């Protein structure tokens, strides 16, 4: 829950700063080039966050390590379960 609060505070600060800059509430006279970049900034941030998330998931999938010991243990448990079910009369 604490991490959620941190993210929400960060989004609130960024959002209020963006609103203040785009509406001119701070009394700053921004050049036209800055205003043109400022309006689509939330969309750019959203796309950048999505790209970062895809990259992170892709890197973790690419470097996923197999657990050979756990695989052998699970396969032996499956064989034991199948043998137990076969003794009970279930056919595969």
Protein backbone atom coordinates (compact mmCIF):
# COMPACT_ATOMS: atom_id res chain seq x y z
CA UNK A 1 0.00 0.00 0.00
CA UNK A 2 2.88 2.37 0.71
CA UNK A 3 4.21 2.11 -2.84
CA UNK A 4 0.77 2.96 -4.20
CA UNK A 5 0.69 6.11 -2.08
CA UNK A 6 4.13 7.10 -3.37
CA UNK A 7 3.02 6.64 -6.98
CA UNK A 8 -0.19 8.57 -6.39
CA UNK A 9 1.70 11.46 -4.78
CA UNK A 10 4.14 11.53 -7.69
CA UNK A 11 1.30 11.54 -10.20
CA UNK A 12 -0.49 14.27 -8.26
CA UNK A 13 2.60 16.47 -8.20
CA UNK A 14 3.34 15.93 -11.89
CA UNK A 15 -0.29 16.43 -12.84
CA UNK A 16 -0.71 19.61 -10.84
CA UNK A 17 2.54 21.01 -12.27
CA UNK A 18 1.36 20.19 -15.78
CA UNK A 19 -2.03 21.81 -15.20
CA UNK A 20 -0.42 24.90 -13.67
CA UNK A 21 1.97 25.28 -16.61
CA UNK A 22 -0.62 24.66 -19.33
CA UNK A 23 -3.27 26.96 -17.87
CA UNK A 24 -0.83 29.74 -17.01
CA UNK A 25 -1.77 29.71 -13.33
CA UNK A 26 1.82 30.47 -12.33
CA UNK A 27 1.97 33.62 -14.42
CA UNK A 28 4.88 32.33 -16.49
CA UNK A 29 5.05 33.35 -20.13
CA UNK A 30 6.30 30.21 -21.80
CA UNK A 31 7.52 30.36 -25.40
CA UNK A 32 5.27 28.80 -28.02
CA UNK A 33 7.72 25.93 -28.58
CA UNK A 34 7.51 24.96 -24.89
CA UNK A 35 3.71 25.15 -24.95
CA UNK A 36 3.59 22.88 -28.00
CA UNK A 37 5.67 20.28 -26.17
CA UNK A 38 3.81 20.70 -22.90
CA UNK A 39 0.31 19.85 -24.14
CA UNK A 40 0.99 16.26 -25.33
CA UNK A 41 3.43 15.57 -22.47
CA UNK A 42 1.03 13.23 -20.56
CA UNK A 43 0.63 11.07 -23.67
CA UNK A 44 4.42 10.94 -24.12
CA UNK A 45 4.84 9.95 -20.49
CA UNK A 46 2.22 7.21 -20.82
CA UNK A 47 3.85 5.78 -23.94
CA UNK A 48 7.30 5.95 -22.32
CA UNK A 49 6.03 4.13 -19.24
CA UNK A 50 4.49 1.43 -21.43
CA UNK A 51 7.72 0.98 -23.36
CA UNK A 52 9.67 0.72 -20.12
CA UNK A 53 7.24 -1.90 -18.79
CA UNK A 54 7.48 -3.96 -22.00
CA UNK A 55 11.27 -3.73 -21.94
CA UNK A 56 11.42 -4.83 -18.31
CA UNK A 57 9.13 -7.81 -18.89
CA UNK A 58 11.01 -8.75 -22.08
CA UNK A 59 14.39 -8.65 -20.35
CA UNK A 60 13.13 -10.78 -17.47
CA UNK A 61 11.61 -13.32 -19.85
CA UNK A 62 14.80 -13.44 -21.93
CA UNK A 63 16.99 -14.05 -18.86
CA UNK A 64 14.62 -16.49 -17.14
CA UNK A 65 16.54 -19.27 -15.42
CA UNK A 66 15.20 -22.82 -15.39
CA UNK A 67 15.19 -24.68 -12.08
CA UNK A 68 16.29 -28.16 -13.07
CA UNK A 69 16.14 -29.56 -9.53
CA UNK A 70 12.59 -28.33 -9.06
CA UNK A 71 11.65 -29.75 -12.46
CA UNK A 72 12.94 -33.22 -11.55
CA UNK A 73 11.20 -33.08 -8.16
CA UNK A 74 7.90 -32.05 -9.74
CA UNK A 75 8.14 -34.78 -12.39
CA UNK A 76 8.77 -37.41 -9.72
CA UNK A 77 5.77 -36.14 -7.74
CA UNK A 78 3.63 -36.37 -10.88
CA UNK A 79 4.77 -39.96 -11.45
CA UNK A 80 4.01 -40.82 -7.82
CA UNK A 81 0.54 -39.28 -8.14
CA UNK A 82 -0.12 -41.19 -11.36
CA UNK A 83 0.98 -44.45 -9.74
CA UNK A 84 -1.24 -43.76 -6.72
CA UNK A 85 -4.22 -43.04 -8.97
CA UNK A 86 -3.49 -46.18 -11.03
CA UNK A 87 -3.57 -48.24 -7.81
CA UNK A 88 -6.94 -46.67 -7.05
CA UNK A 89 -8.27 -47.87 -10.40
CA UNK A 90 -8.02 -44.74 -12.52
CA UNK A 91 -6.73 -45.36 -16.03
CA UNK A 92 -4.88 -42.78 -18.11
